[in-house]
Amino acid sequence: MARPDASDLAHRLGREAEAVCRHYLANGRRQGNYWQVGDVRNTPGRSMFVRLKDSTKGPAGKWTDAATGEHGDLLDIIRESCGLLDFADVVVEARRFLSLPHLEPQPAPRKPASTPTRMGSAEAAGRLFAMSQPIAGTLVETYLRKRGITALHGTGSLRFHPRCYYRPDEHSATETWPAMVAAVTDLEGRITGAHRTWLAQDGSGKAPIDIQRKAMGDLLGHAVRIGVPGAVMAAGEGIETMLSLRQVVPDLAVAPALSAAHLAAILFPPQLRRLYIVRDNDPAGDGARDILIDRASAAGIEAIVLSPAMGDLNEDLRHLGLDALRAGLRPQLAPEDVARFLSLVA
C-alpha cells in the first residue's frame, strides 16, 4: 500500500472531523457546523473553531483560533493536543486513529500554507458570531436591562462575547472587552456581517473606549433581524432603539440597520406590505426617512414614520418611561396594527 502524504491524511481525517474533535479536543463541543474549544491544545474555551463539514467556505477539518490567529488542519490538532514534536509521530498517531496499517515514518512533504480569513469579511463575521454565546444570563442582558429593555424574546441574532478584540486603529494595541455581537443577515437569513457593541466589565453601559461600536462584513441592504417578518415590520438605525419599540409592540418584527445610510438602503422582504420607519431625531435620520419612504412607495409598500419625543426611542423609554413611550407611539400606528399588536399590552 502506498504511503499517503500529509494532504491525503488530512483529507481522510476531514471525513471524520467530528470524531477527531471529540477524541483530541474533548474539552470542546459542537456548535452548528463547527467544533468550538479554547485552543489547539484542548484548553476549555470558545475562541477556536474547527469546520466539521465541507462547504463553500472550505474543507472539513480546517480550523482557526480567533484569539491567536493560528490556523491549520486536523494533523496540527493531533500534533498539538498530543504534544508531539516529530511529524513522523503525528503520522503514526493519525494512522492509528484511522485504523490504517502502520508504515515506517518518512519525512513529510511540505504542506501549503492555509489562506487566512480576511479580516472584516463576511466569513470572519460569521465566525465571530459562531464563537459567541446566547445572551441569557450574560452582560448583554444586564446592559439591555439597564437601558430599560426587558422583552428579549426572538433575539437569537444577538450574542455575547466575553473577550472581543478591540483595536481603534492600526497603530494601537489590541485590547479585549465584553461585547454584544449582532448578526447582520440578508433576506434569506445568511450572515453577511456582524456588529459589535463593546461593554463595560460589569455590563452597566458601554465600554470606556473611544469607539464603542463597529460593524464588519457586507452590510449594504442587510440588517440585524429580530422577530419573524410578515406583511408588517419596522426598520430603524440602532439595536437598542428597535428593541425599545418591541417593549411596546413585542410581536412586531424589527430590523436595526445600524446607521442612517444603511437604513436608507435596506432591502424589503417580498411579503412586506407596511413598513414602519423608526427615525432618530437628527438630520441623518430625516434623510434616511425620506429616501426610505420614496423606495417603499415605489415598491408598493405603505411607509409610516414613527418619531421619538426625544433623540430616539430608547431615550424616550429610559427618561420618560414605558407608559409614555406607549402613549407616544399609539397614535402613530395604523389603527389595525393597534388592534393587532397593542391589544394585549395597552
C-alpha atoms as a PDB file:
ATOM      1  CA  MET A   1       0.000   0.000   0.000  1.00  0.00           C
ATOM      2  CA  ALA A   2       1.426   3.401  -0.968  1.00  0.00           C
ATOM      3  CA  ARG A   3       2.197   5.780   1.839  1.00  0.00           C
ATOM      4  CA  PRO A   4      -0.322   8.601   1.935  1.00  0.00           C
ATOM      5  CA  ASP A   5       1.167  12.104   2.038  1.00  0.00           C
ATOM      6  CA  ALA A   6       0.194  14.766   4.557  1.00  0.00           C
ATOM      7  CA  SER A   7      -2.637  16.193   2.436  1.00  0.00           C
ATOM      8  CA  ASP A   8      -4.137  12.731   1.919  1.00  0.00           C
ATOM      9  CA  LEU A   9      -4.051  12.016   5.665  1.00  0.00           C
ATOM     10  CA  ALA A  10      -5.617  15.410   6.381  1.00  0.00           C
ATOM     11  CA  HIS A  11      -8.363  14.647   3.853  1.00  0.00           C
ATOM     12  CA  ARG A  12      -9.060  11.251   5.433  1.00  0.00           C
ATOM     13  CA  LEU A  13      -9.207  12.854   8.867  1.00  0.00           C
ATOM     14  CA  GLY A  14     -11.532  15.526   7.481  1.00  0.00           C
ATOM     15  CA  ARG A  15     -14.081  12.855   6.605  1.00  0.00           C
ATOM     16  CA  GLU A  16     -14.111  12.020  10.337  1.00  0.00           C
ATOM     17  CA  ALA A  17     -13.729  15.609  11.550  1.00  0.00           C
ATOM     18  CA  GLU A  18     -16.248  15.454  14.381  1.00  0.00           C
ATOM     19  CA  ALA A  19     -14.835  12.150  15.657  1.00  0.00           C
ATOM     20  CA  VAL A  20     -11.328  13.639  15.566  1.00  0.00           C
ATOM     21  CA  CYS A  21     -12.506  16.652  17.567  1.00  0.00           C
ATOM     22  CA  ARG A  22     -14.378  14.552  20.116  1.00  0.00           C
ATOM     23  CA  HIS A  23     -11.226  12.451  20.643  1.00  0.00           C
ATOM     24  CA  TYR A  24      -8.458  15.080  20.632  1.00  0.00           C
ATOM     25  CA  LEU A  25     -10.429  18.195  21.633  1.00  0.00           C
ATOM     26  CA  ALA A  26     -12.702  16.633  24.228  1.00  0.00           C
ATOM     27  CA  ASN A  27     -12.956  19.902  26.204  1.00  0.00           C
ATOM     28  CA  GLY A  28     -14.896  21.489  23.351  1.00  0.00           C
ATOM     29  CA  ARG A  29     -18.369  20.995  21.960  1.00  0.00           C
ATOM     30  CA  ARG A  30     -20.221  21.156  18.681  1.00  0.00           C
ATOM     31  CA  GLN A  31     -21.897  24.403  17.650  1.00  0.00           C
ATOM     32  CA  GLY A  32     -23.679  24.035  14.327  1.00  0.00           C
ATOM     33  CA  ASN A  33     -21.163  23.026  11.688  1.00  0.00           C
ATOM     34  CA  TYR A  34     -18.194  23.888  13.899  1.00  0.00           C
ATOM     35  CA  TRP A  35     -16.411  22.391  16.907  1.00  0.00           C
ATOM     36  CA  GLN A  36     -15.533  25.051  19.463  1.00  0.00           C
ATOM     37  CA  VAL A  37     -12.764  24.819  22.050  1.00  0.00           C
ATOM     38  CA  GLY A  38     -10.268  27.124  23.744  1.00  0.00           C
ATOM     39  CA  ASP A  39      -7.244  26.327  21.593  1.00  0.00           C
ATOM     40  CA  VAL A  40      -5.489  23.641  19.595  1.00  0.00           C
ATOM     41  CA  ARG A  41      -4.065  22.169  22.810  1.00  0.00           C
ATOM     42  CA  ASN A  42      -7.573  21.277  24.050  1.00  0.00           C
ATOM     43  CA  THR A  43      -7.911  24.095  26.561  1.00  0.00           C
ATOM     44  CA  PRO A  44     -11.543  24.729  27.554  1.00  0.00           C
ATOM     45  CA  GLY A  45     -12.975  27.818  25.875  1.00  0.00           C
ATOM     46  CA  ARG A  46     -14.627  29.104  22.713  1.00  0.00           C
ATOM     47  CA  SER A  47     -12.058  31.025  20.667  1.00  0.00           C
ATOM     48  CA  MET A  48     -11.015  28.201  18.312  1.00  0.00           C
ATOM     49  CA  PHE A  49     -13.375  26.586  15.846  1.00  0.00           C
ATOM     50  CA  VAL A  50     -12.973  23.593  13.539  1.00  0.00           C
ATOM     51  CA  ARG A  51     -15.106  23.195  10.420  1.00  0.00           C
ATOM     52  CA  LEU A  52     -16.878  19.819  10.603  1.00  0.00           C
ATOM     53  CA  LYS A  53     -18.268  19.592   7.066  1.00  0.00           C
ATOM     54  CA  ASP A  54     -17.080  20.547   3.609  1.00  0.00           C
ATOM     55  CA  SER A  55     -18.672  23.793   2.482  1.00  0.00           C
ATOM     56  CA  THR A  56     -18.149  26.618   0.044  1.00  0.00           C
ATOM     57  CA  LYS A  57     -16.043  28.221   2.783  1.00  0.00           C
ATOM     58  CA  GLY A  58     -13.517  25.384   2.790  1.00  0.00           C
ATOM     59  CA  PRO A  59     -12.919  21.724   3.544  1.00  0.00           C
ATOM     60  CA  ALA A  60     -13.816  19.922   6.750  1.00  0.00           C
ATOM     61  CA  GLY A  61     -11.030  19.887   9.328  1.00  0.00           C
ATOM     62  CA  LYS A  62      -9.707  23.388   8.771  1.00  0.00           C
ATOM     63  CA  TRP A  63      -9.546  25.416  11.971  1.00  0.00           C
ATOM     64  CA  THR A  64      -8.804  28.948  13.153  1.00  0.00           C
ATOM     65  CA  ASP A  65      -8.092  30.318  16.599  1.00  0.00           C
ATOM     66  CA  ALA A  66      -9.554  33.818  16.723  1.00  0.00           C
ATOM     67  CA  ALA A  67      -7.575  34.677  19.851  1.00  0.00           C
ATOM     68  CA  THR A  68      -4.151  33.986  18.335  1.00  0.00           C
ATOM     69  CA  GLY A  69      -4.690  33.961  14.580  1.00  0.00           C
ATOM     70  CA  GLU A  70      -3.349  30.385  14.353  1.00  0.00           C
ATOM     71  CA  HIS A  71      -4.905  28.124  11.741  1.00  0.00           C
ATOM     72  CA  GLY A  72      -4.285  24.694  10.300  1.00  0.00           C
ATOM     73  CA  ASP A  73      -5.756  21.256   9.746  1.00  0.00           C
ATOM     74  CA  LEU A  74      -6.520  18.143  11.799  1.00  0.00           C
ATOM     75  CA  LEU A  75      -2.913  16.926  11.659  1.00  0.00           C
ATOM     76  CA  ASP A  76      -1.925  20.088  13.528  1.00  0.00           C
ATOM     77  CA  ILE A  77      -4.615  19.344  16.109  1.00  0.00           C
ATOM     78  CA  ILE A  78      -3.220  15.856  16.652  1.00  0.00           C
ATOM     79  CA  ARG A  79       0.304  17.228  16.939  1.00  0.00           C
ATOM     80  CA  GLU A  80      -0.517  19.975  19.433  1.00  0.00           C
ATOM     81  CA  SER A  81      -3.103  18.150  21.536  1.00  0.00           C
ATOM     82  CA  CYS A  82      -0.794  15.131  21.920  1.00  0.00           C
ATOM     83  CA  GLY A  83       2.356  17.224  22.419  1.00  0.00           C
ATOM     84  CA  LEU A  84       4.184  15.550  19.527  1.00  0.00           C
ATOM     85  CA  LEU A  85       7.373  17.124  18.180  1.00  0.00           C
ATOM     86  CA  ASP A  86       8.296  14.869  15.251  1.00  0.00           C
ATOM     87  CA  PHE A  87       5.905  14.848  12.298  1.00  0.00           C
ATOM     88  CA  ALA A  88       6.586  11.159  11.858  1.00  0.00           C
ATOM     89  CA  ASP A  89       4.937  10.605  15.247  1.00  0.00           C
ATOM     90  CA  VAL A  90       1.957  12.666  14.098  1.00  0.00           C
ATOM     91  CA  VAL A  91       1.585  10.375  11.075  1.00  0.00           C
ATOM     92  CA  VAL A  92       1.713   7.296  13.295  1.00  0.00           C
ATOM     93  CA  GLU A  93      -0.945   8.722  15.612  1.00  0.00           C
ATOM     94  CA  ALA A  94      -3.176   9.790  12.718  1.00  0.00           C
ATOM     95  CA  ARG A  95      -2.941   6.340  11.119  1.00  0.00           C
ATOM     96  CA  ARG A  96      -3.684   4.731  14.474  1.00  0.00           C
ATOM     97  CA  PHE A  97      -6.826   6.860  14.809  1.00  0.00           C
ATOM     98  CA  LEU A  98      -7.880   5.987  11.256  1.00  0.00           C
ATOM     99  CA  SER A  99      -7.043   2.302  11.830  1.00  0.00           C
ATOM    100  CA  LEU A 100      -4.655   2.313   8.882  1.00  0.00           C
ATOM    101  CA  PRO A 101      -1.762  -0.164   8.680  1.00  0.00           C
ATOM    102  CA  HIS A 102       1.429   1.028  10.309  1.00  0.00           C
ATOM    103  CA  LEU A 103       4.107   2.275   7.915  1.00  0.00           C
ATOM    104  CA  GLU A 104       7.667   3.290   8.576  1.00  0.00           C
ATOM    105  CA  PRO A 105       7.631   7.032   9.134  1.00  0.00           C
ATOM    106  CA  GLN A 106       9.321   9.165   6.492  1.00  0.00           C
ATOM    107  CA  PRO A 107       9.848  12.905   6.213  1.00  0.00           C
ATOM    108  CA  ALA A 108       6.569  14.510   5.253  1.00  0.00           C
ATOM    109  CA  PRO A 109       6.267  16.749   2.205  1.00  0.00           C
ATOM    110  CA  ARG A 110       5.892  20.412   2.820  1.00  0.00           C
ATOM    111  CA  LYS A 111       2.264  21.438   3.243  1.00  0.00           C
ATOM    112  CA  PRO A 112       0.973  24.554   1.526  1.00  0.00           C
ATOM    113  CA  ALA A 113       0.090  27.303   3.936  1.00  0.00           C
ATOM    114  CA  SER A 114      -3.617  27.827   4.574  1.00  0.00           C
ATOM    115  CA  THR A 115      -5.094  31.049   3.320  1.00  0.00           C
ATOM    116  CA  PRO A 116      -6.127  33.103   6.355  1.00  0.00           C
ATOM    117  CA  THR A 117      -9.624  34.529   6.574  1.00  0.00           C
ATOM    118  CA  ARG A 118      -9.634  38.162   5.502  1.00  0.00           C
ATOM    119  CA  MET A 119     -10.225  40.443   8.476  1.00  0.00           C
ATOM    120  CA  GLY A 120     -13.584  42.196   8.313  1.00  0.00           C
ATOM    121  CA  SER A 121     -15.028  39.775   5.759  1.00  0.00           C
ATOM    122  CA  ALA A 122     -18.469  38.193   5.878  1.00  0.00           C
ATOM    123  CA  GLU A 123     -16.815  34.880   6.747  1.00  0.00           C
ATOM    124  CA  ALA A 124     -14.942  36.485   9.655  1.00  0.00           C
ATOM    125  CA  ALA A 125     -18.235  37.982  10.844  1.00  0.00           C
ATOM    126  CA  GLY A 126     -19.896  34.577  10.747  1.00  0.00           C
ATOM    127  CA  ARG A 127     -17.070  33.042  12.706  1.00  0.00           C
ATOM    128  CA  LEU A 128     -17.188  35.754  15.345  1.00  0.00           C
ATOM    129  CA  PHE A 129     -20.917  35.174  15.756  1.00  0.00           C
ATOM    130  CA  ALA A 130     -20.392  31.396  15.942  1.00  0.00           C
ATOM    131  CA  MET A 131     -17.837  31.866  18.706  1.00  0.00           C
ATOM    132  CA  SER A 132     -20.218  33.961  20.784  1.00  0.00           C
ATOM    133  CA  GLN A 133     -22.901  32.659  23.138  1.00  0.00           C
ATOM    134  CA  PRO A 134     -26.629  33.312  23.685  1.00  0.00           C
ATOM    135  CA  ILE A 135     -27.291  36.449  25.714  1.00  0.00           C
ATOM    136  CA  ALA A 136     -29.390  34.894  28.513  1.00  0.00           C
ATOM    137  CA  GLY A 137     -27.668  35.443  31.839  1.00  0.00           C
ATOM    138  CA  THR A 138     -24.775  37.407  30.299  1.00  0.00           C
ATOM    139  CA  LEU A 139     -23.562  41.009  30.442  1.00  0.00           C
ATOM    140  CA  VAL A 140     -25.581  41.727  27.290  1.00  0.00           C
ATOM    141  CA  GLU A 141     -28.765  41.012  29.194  1.00  0.00           C
ATOM    142  CA  THR A 142     -27.507  43.208  32.049  1.00  0.00           C
ATOM    143  CA  TYR A 143     -26.666  46.017  29.631  1.00  0.00           C
ATOM    144  CA  LEU A 144     -30.038  45.918  27.881  1.00  0.00           C
ATOM    145  CA  ARG A 145     -31.979  45.821  31.146  1.00  0.00           C
ATOM    146  CA  LYS A 146     -30.013  48.878  32.289  1.00  0.00           C
ATOM    147  CA  ARG A 147     -31.418  50.573  29.195  1.00  0.00           C
ATOM    148  CA  GLY A 148     -34.979  49.614  30.097  1.00  0.00           C
ATOM    149  CA  ILE A 149     -35.164  46.699  27.650  1.00  0.00           C
ATOM    150  CA  THR A 150     -36.611  43.544  29.194  1.00  0.00           C
ATOM    151  CA  ALA A 151     -38.569  41.982  26.283  1.00  0.00           C
ATOM    152  CA  LEU A 152     -35.769  39.825  24.871  1.00  0.00           C
ATOM    153  CA  HIS A 153     -37.761  37.117  23.068  1.00  0.00           C
ATOM    154  CA  GLY A 154     -36.755  36.496  19.477  1.00  0.00           C
ATOM    155  CA  THR A 155     -33.266  37.953  19.949  1.00  0.00           C
ATOM    156  CA  GLY A 156     -31.316  34.984  18.619  1.00  0.00           C
ATOM    157  CA  SER A 157     -29.464  37.386  16.321  1.00  0.00           C
ATOM    158  CA  LEU A 158     -27.787  38.873  19.404  1.00  0.00           C
ATOM    159  CA  ARG A 159     -24.977  37.117  21.256  1.00  0.00           C
ATOM    160  CA  PHE A 160     -22.333  37.738  23.890  1.00  0.00           C
ATOM    161  CA  HIS A 161     -18.557  37.511  23.539  1.00  0.00           C
ATOM    162  CA  PRO A 162     -16.666  37.843  26.844  1.00  0.00           C
ATOM    163  CA  ARG A 163     -13.336  38.890  25.282  1.00  0.00           C
ATOM    164  CA  CYS A 164     -13.969  40.532  21.931  1.00  0.00           C
ATOM    165  CA  TYR A 165     -10.963  42.174  20.297  1.00  0.00           C
ATOM    166  CA  TYR A 166     -10.907  45.957  20.167  1.00  0.00           C
ATOM    167  CA  ARG A 167      -8.368  47.998  18.242  1.00  0.00           C
ATOM    168  CA  PRO A 168      -9.287  51.611  17.462  1.00  0.00           C
ATOM    169  CA  ASP A 169      -6.684  51.922  14.681  1.00  0.00           C
ATOM    170  CA  GLU A 170      -3.693  50.123  13.191  1.00  0.00           C
ATOM    171  CA  HIS A 171      -1.260  51.980  15.423  1.00  0.00           C
ATOM    172  CA  SER A 172      -2.953  50.998  18.699  1.00  0.00           C
ATOM    173  CA  ALA A 173      -2.508  47.926  20.854  1.00  0.00           C
ATOM    174  CA  THR A 174      -5.233  45.286  20.774  1.00  0.00           C
ATOM    175  CA  GLU A 175      -7.480  45.113  23.826  1.00  0.00           C
ATOM    176  CA  THR A 176     -10.309  42.778  24.783  1.00  0.00           C
ATOM    177  CA  TRP A 177     -13.684  43.846  26.163  1.00  0.00           C
ATOM    178  CA  PRO A 178     -17.028  42.108  26.660  1.00  0.00           C
ATOM    179  CA  ALA A 179     -19.256  42.733  23.650  1.00  0.00           C
ATOM    180  CA  MET A 180     -22.748  42.386  22.307  1.00  0.00           C
ATOM    181  CA  VAL A 181     -22.342  40.752  18.891  1.00  0.00           C
ATOM    182  CA  ALA A 182     -25.210  41.100  16.429  1.00  0.00           C
ATOM    183  CA  ALA A 183     -25.523  39.048  13.247  1.00  0.00           C
ATOM    184  CA  VAL A 184     -26.272  41.052  10.109  1.00  0.00           C
ATOM    185  CA  THR A 185     -28.194  38.882   7.651  1.00  0.00           C
ATOM    186  CA  ASP A 186     -29.651  39.038   4.171  1.00  0.00           C
ATOM    187  CA  LEU A 187     -33.284  38.290   3.327  1.00  0.00           C
ATOM    188  CA  GLU A 188     -32.526  34.550   3.219  1.00  0.00           C
ATOM    189  CA  GLY A 189     -31.041  34.595   6.720  1.00  0.00           C
ATOM    190  CA  ARG A 190     -27.397  34.215   5.645  1.00  0.00           C
ATOM    191  CA  ILE A 191     -24.914  36.059   7.849  1.00  0.00           C
ATOM    192  CA  THR A 192     -23.244  38.800   5.834  1.00  0.00           C
ATOM    193  CA  GLY A 193     -21.748  40.833   8.661  1.00  0.00           C
ATOM    194  CA  ALA A 194     -21.578  41.438  12.381  1.00  0.00           C
ATOM    195  CA  HIS A 195     -21.911  44.434  14.669  1.00  0.00           C
ATOM    196  CA  ARG A 196     -20.028  44.740  17.936  1.00  0.00           C
ATOM    197  CA  THR A 197     -21.005  46.910  20.903  1.00  0.00           C
ATOM    198  CA  TRP A 198     -18.238  46.788  23.495  1.00  0.00           C
ATOM    199  CA  LEU A 199     -19.499  46.811  27.062  1.00  0.00           C
ATOM    200  CA  ALA A 200     -18.216  47.808  30.484  1.00  0.00           C
ATOM    201  CA  GLN A 201     -16.876  44.900  32.523  1.00  0.00           C
ATOM    202  CA  ASP A 202     -19.991  44.917  34.725  1.00  0.00           C
ATOM    203  CA  GLY A 203     -22.481  45.453  31.888  1.00  0.00           C
ATOM    204  CA  SER A 204     -23.612  48.787  33.327  1.00  0.00           C
ATOM    205  CA  GLY A 205     -23.100  50.546  29.999  1.00  0.00           C
ATOM    206  CA  LYS A 206     -20.799  50.719  27.018  1.00  0.00           C
ATOM    207  CA  ALA A 207     -17.066  50.218  27.475  1.00  0.00           C
ATOM    208  CA  PRO A 208     -14.990  53.336  28.331  1.00  0.00           C
ATOM    209  CA  ILE A 209     -13.244  53.369  24.947  1.00  0.00           C
ATOM    210  CA  ASP A 210     -13.153  55.830  22.046  1.00  0.00           C
ATOM    211  CA  ILE A 211     -15.053  53.731  19.506  1.00  0.00           C
ATOM    212  CA  GLN A 212     -17.753  51.780  21.310  1.00  0.00           C
ATOM    213  CA  ARG A 213     -19.403  50.212  18.246  1.00  0.00           C
ATOM    214  CA  LYS A 214     -18.072  48.777  14.990  1.00  0.00           C
ATOM    215  CA  ALA A 215     -19.524  46.770  12.134  1.00  0.00           C
ATOM    216  CA  MET A 216     -17.784  44.337   9.805  1.00  0.00           C
ATOM    217  CA  GLY A 217     -18.680  42.408   6.674  1.00  0.00           C
ATOM    218  CA  ASP A 218     -21.177  43.119   3.907  1.00  0.00           C
ATOM    219  CA  LEU A 219     -23.783  45.478   5.352  1.00  0.00           C
ATOM    220  CA  LEU A 220     -25.411  47.287   2.430  1.00  0.00           C
ATOM    221  CA  GLY A 221     -29.075  46.361   2.183  1.00  0.00           C
ATOM    222  CA  HIS A 222     -28.877  43.984   5.122  1.00  0.00           C
ATOM    223  CA  ALA A 223     -29.823  44.307   8.794  1.00  0.00           C
ATOM    224  CA  VAL A 224     -29.934  42.705  12.217  1.00  0.00           C
ATOM    225  CA  ARG A 225     -33.254  40.858  12.169  1.00  0.00           C
ATOM    226  CA  ILE A 226     -35.293  40.399  15.341  1.00  0.00           C
ATOM    227  CA  GLY A 227     -38.571  38.523  15.117  1.00  0.00           C
ATOM    228  CA  VAL A 228     -40.144  36.899  12.063  1.00  0.00           C
ATOM    229  CA  PRO A 229     -41.094  39.450   9.389  1.00  0.00           C
ATOM    230  CA  GLY A 230     -44.501  39.247   7.781  1.00  0.00           C
ATOM    231  CA  ALA A 231     -46.603  41.799   5.972  1.00  0.00           C
ATOM    232  CA  VAL A 232     -45.703  44.376   8.620  1.00  0.00           C
ATOM    233  CA  MET A 233     -42.282  45.196  10.066  1.00  0.00           C
ATOM    234  CA  ALA A 234     -40.264  48.114  11.387  1.00  0.00           C
ATOM    235  CA  ALA A 235     -36.788  49.299  10.425  1.00  0.00           C
ATOM    236  CA  GLY A 236     -34.553  51.779  12.175  1.00  0.00           C
ATOM    237  CA  GLU A 237     -30.943  52.527  12.996  1.00  0.00           C
ATOM    238  CA  GLY A 238     -29.848  51.267  16.409  1.00  0.00           C
ATOM    239  CA  ILE A 239     -30.330  47.898  18.079  1.00  0.00           C
ATOM    240  CA  GLU A 240     -31.366  49.494  21.363  1.00  0.00           C
ATOM    241  CA  THR A 241     -33.815  51.783  19.559  1.00  0.00           C
ATOM    242  CA  MET A 242     -35.566  48.905  17.840  1.00  0.00           C
ATOM    243  CA  LEU A 243     -35.644  46.764  20.973  1.00  0.00           C
ATOM    244  CA  SER A 244     -37.284  49.716  22.732  1.00  0.00           C
ATOM    245  CA  LEU A 245     -40.049  49.646  20.123  1.00  0.00           C
ATOM    246  CA  ARG A 246     -40.590  45.961  20.912  1.00  0.00           C
ATOM    247  CA  GLN A 247     -41.230  46.895  24.550  1.00  0.00           C
ATOM    248  CA  VAL A 248     -44.468  48.400  23.248  1.00  0.00           C
ATOM    249  CA  VAL A 249     -45.206  46.074  20.297  1.00  0.00           C
ATOM    250  CA  PRO A 250     -43.465  42.822  21.304  1.00  0.00           C
ATOM    251  CA  ASP A 251     -44.731  40.778  18.342  1.00  0.00           C
ATOM    252  CA  LEU A 252     -43.600  43.212  15.664  1.00  0.00           C
ATOM    253  CA  ALA A 253     -40.549  42.120  13.660  1.00  0.00           C
ATOM    254  CA  VAL A 254     -37.846  44.788  13.637  1.00  0.00           C
ATOM    255  CA  ALA A 255     -34.684  45.314  11.623  1.00  0.00           C
ATOM    256  CA  PRO A 256     -31.925  47.546  13.008  1.00  0.00           C
ATOM    257  CA  ALA A 257     -29.847  48.659  10.009  1.00  0.00           C
ATOM    258  CA  LEU A 258     -27.096  50.093  12.294  1.00  0.00           C
ATOM    259  CA  SER A 259     -26.741  53.520  10.615  1.00  0.00           C
ATOM    260  CA  ALA A 260     -28.800  56.100   8.764  1.00  0.00           C
ATOM    261  CA  ALA A 261     -27.061  55.328   5.458  1.00  0.00           C
ATOM    262  CA  HIS A 262     -27.720  51.609   5.750  1.00  0.00           C
ATOM    263  CA  LEU A 263     -31.297  52.233   6.851  1.00  0.00           C
ATOM    264  CA  ALA A 264     -31.935  54.163   3.640  1.00  0.00           C
ATOM    265  CA  ALA A 265     -30.652  51.175   1.608  1.00  0.00           C
ATOM    266  CA  ILE A 266     -32.340  48.321   3.494  1.00  0.00           C
ATOM    267  CA  LEU A 267     -33.865  45.608   1.279  1.00  0.00           C
ATOM    268  CA  PHE A 268     -37.556  44.769   1.598  1.00  0.00           C
ATOM    269  CA  PRO A 269     -38.830  41.221   2.230  1.00  0.00           C
ATOM    270  CA  PRO A 270     -41.090  40.139  -0.649  1.00  0.00           C
ATOM    271  CA  GLN A 271     -44.148  39.749   1.609  1.00  0.00           C
ATOM    272  CA  LEU A 272     -43.838  43.248   3.132  1.00  0.00           C
ATOM    273  CA  ARG A 273     -46.884  45.489   2.753  1.00  0.00           C
ATOM    274  CA  ARG A 274     -46.403  48.052   5.543  1.00  0.00           C
ATOM    275  CA  LEU A 275     -43.079  49.402   6.785  1.00  0.00           C
ATOM    276  CA  TYR A 276     -42.694  51.428   9.959  1.00  0.00           C
ATOM    277  CA  ILE A 277     -39.670  53.676   9.661  1.00  0.00           C
ATOM    278  CA  VAL A 278     -38.298  54.447  13.109  1.00  0.00           C
ATOM    279  CA  ARG A 279     -36.349  57.667  12.777  1.00  0.00           C
ATOM    280  CA  ASP A 280     -33.751  59.142  15.068  1.00  0.00           C
ATOM    281  CA  ASN A 281     -34.296  62.810  15.781  1.00  0.00           C
ATOM    282  CA  ASP A 282     -31.361  64.212  13.792  1.00  0.00           C
ATOM    283  CA  PRO A 283     -30.626  65.361  10.199  1.00  0.00           C
ATOM    284  CA  ALA A 284     -29.212  61.966   9.190  1.00  0.00           C
ATOM    285  CA  GLY A 285     -32.393  60.301  10.441  1.00  0.00           C
ATOM    286  CA  ASP A 286     -34.504  62.705   8.404  1.00  0.00           C
ATOM    287  CA  GLY A 287     -32.515  61.947   5.264  1.00  0.00           C
ATOM    288  CA  ALA A 288     -32.838  58.193   5.726  1.00  0.00           C
ATOM    289  CA  ARG A 289     -36.577  58.589   6.341  1.00  0.00           C
ATOM    290  CA  ASP A 290     -37.134  60.494   3.111  1.00  0.00           C
ATOM    291  CA  ILE A 291     -35.153  58.056   0.963  1.00  0.00           C
ATOM    292  CA  LEU A 292     -36.835  55.043   2.503  1.00  0.00           C
ATOM    293  CA  ILE A 293     -40.314  56.498   2.039  1.00  0.00           C
ATOM    294  CA  ASP A 294     -39.601  57.004  -1.659  1.00  0.00           C
ATOM    295  CA  ARG A 295     -38.200  53.490  -2.080  1.00  0.00           C
ATOM    296  CA  ALA A 296     -41.087  51.877  -0.216  1.00  0.00           C
ATOM    297  CA  SER A 297     -43.665  53.836  -2.217  1.00  0.00           C
ATOM    298  CA  ALA A 298     -42.036  52.767  -5.488  1.00  0.00           C
ATOM    299  CA  ALA A 299     -42.255  49.134  -4.320  1.00  0.00           C
ATOM    300  CA  GLY A 300     -45.948  49.437  -3.425  1.00  0.00           C
ATOM    301  CA  ILE A 301     -45.257  49.342   0.334  1.00  0.00           C
ATOM    302  CA  GLU A 302     -47.039  51.659   2.738  1.00  0.00           C
ATOM    303  CA  ALA A 303     -44.480  53.611   4.786  1.00  0.00           C
ATOM    304  CA  ILE A 304     -45.350  55.056   8.195  1.00  0.00           C
ATOM    305  CA  VAL A 305     -42.844  57.089  10.190  1.00  0.00           C
ATOM    306  CA  LEU A 306     -42.515  56.605  13.953  1.00  0.00           C
ATOM    307  CA  SER A 307     -40.884  59.574  15.661  1.00  0.00           C
ATOM    308  CA  PRO A 308     -39.452  59.830  19.198  1.00  0.00           C
ATOM    309  CA  ALA A 309     -40.214  62.597  21.641  1.00  0.00           C
ATOM    310  CA  MET A 310     -36.505  62.886  22.459  1.00  0.00           C
ATOM    311  CA  GLY A 311     -33.441  61.783  20.479  1.00  0.00           C
ATOM    312  CA  ASP A 312     -34.547  58.191  19.853  1.00  0.00           C
ATOM    313  CA  LEU A 313     -36.995  55.645  21.240  1.00  0.00           C
ATOM    314  CA  ASN A 314     -34.536  54.326  23.795  1.00  0.00           C
ATOM    315  CA  GLU A 315     -34.121  57.805  25.231  1.00  0.00           C
ATOM    316  CA  ASP A 316     -37.905  58.006  25.448  1.00  0.00           C
ATOM    317  CA  LEU A 317     -38.038  54.633  27.222  1.00  0.00           C
ATOM    318  CA  ARG A 318     -35.287  55.452  29.721  1.00  0.00           C
ATOM    319  CA  HIS A 319     -36.205  59.041  30.528  1.00  0.00           C
ATOM    320  CA  LEU A 320     -39.980  59.157  30.021  1.00  0.00           C
ATOM    321  CA  GLY A 321     -40.905  55.557  30.879  1.00  0.00           C
ATOM    322  CA  LEU A 322     -42.738  52.720  29.153  1.00  0.00           C
ATOM    323  CA  ASP A 323     -46.218  54.183  29.593  1.00  0.00           C
ATOM    324  CA  ALA A 324     -45.172  57.468  27.983  1.00  0.00           C
ATOM    325  CA  LEU A 325     -43.440  55.615  25.139  1.00  0.00           C
ATOM    326  CA  ARG A 326     -46.591  53.576  24.516  1.00  0.00           C
ATOM    327  CA  ALA A 327     -48.770  56.681  24.632  1.00  0.00           C
ATOM    328  CA  GLY A 328     -46.482  58.427  22.159  1.00  0.00           C
ATOM    329  CA  LEU A 329     -46.391  55.543  19.697  1.00  0.00           C
ATOM    330  CA  ARG A 330     -50.045  54.502  19.802  1.00  0.00           C
ATOM    331  CA  PRO A 331     -51.451  57.370  17.655  1.00  0.00           C
ATOM    332  CA  GLN A 332     -48.617  56.902  15.133  1.00  0.00           C
ATOM    333  CA  LEU A 333     -49.537  53.276  14.391  1.00  0.00           C
ATOM    334  CA  ALA A 334     -52.092  52.213  11.791  1.00  0.00           C
ATOM    335  CA  PRO A 335     -55.431  51.510  13.534  1.00  0.00           C
ATOM    336  CA  GLU A 336     -55.415  47.847  12.505  1.00  0.00           C
ATOM    337  CA  ASP A 337     -51.923  47.441  13.986  1.00  0.00           C
ATOM    338  CA  VAL A 338     -53.048  48.996  17.256  1.00  0.00           C
ATOM    339  CA  ALA A 339     -55.668  46.253  17.487  1.00  0.00           C
ATOM    340  CA  ARG A 340     -53.224  43.573  16.380  1.00  0.00           C
ATOM    341  CA  PHE A 341     -50.066  44.493  18.288  1.00  0.00           C
ATOM    342  CA  LEU A 342     -51.252  46.556  21.249  1.00  0.00           C
ATOM    343  CA  SER A 343     -54.365  44.671  22.325  1.00  0.00           C
ATOM    344  CA  LEU A 344     -52.508  42.643  24.946  1.00  0.00           C
ATOM    345  CA  VAL A 345     -50.237  45.370  26.238  1.00  0.00           C
ATOM    346  CA  ALA A 346     -52.241  48.585  26.014  1.00  0.00           C
END
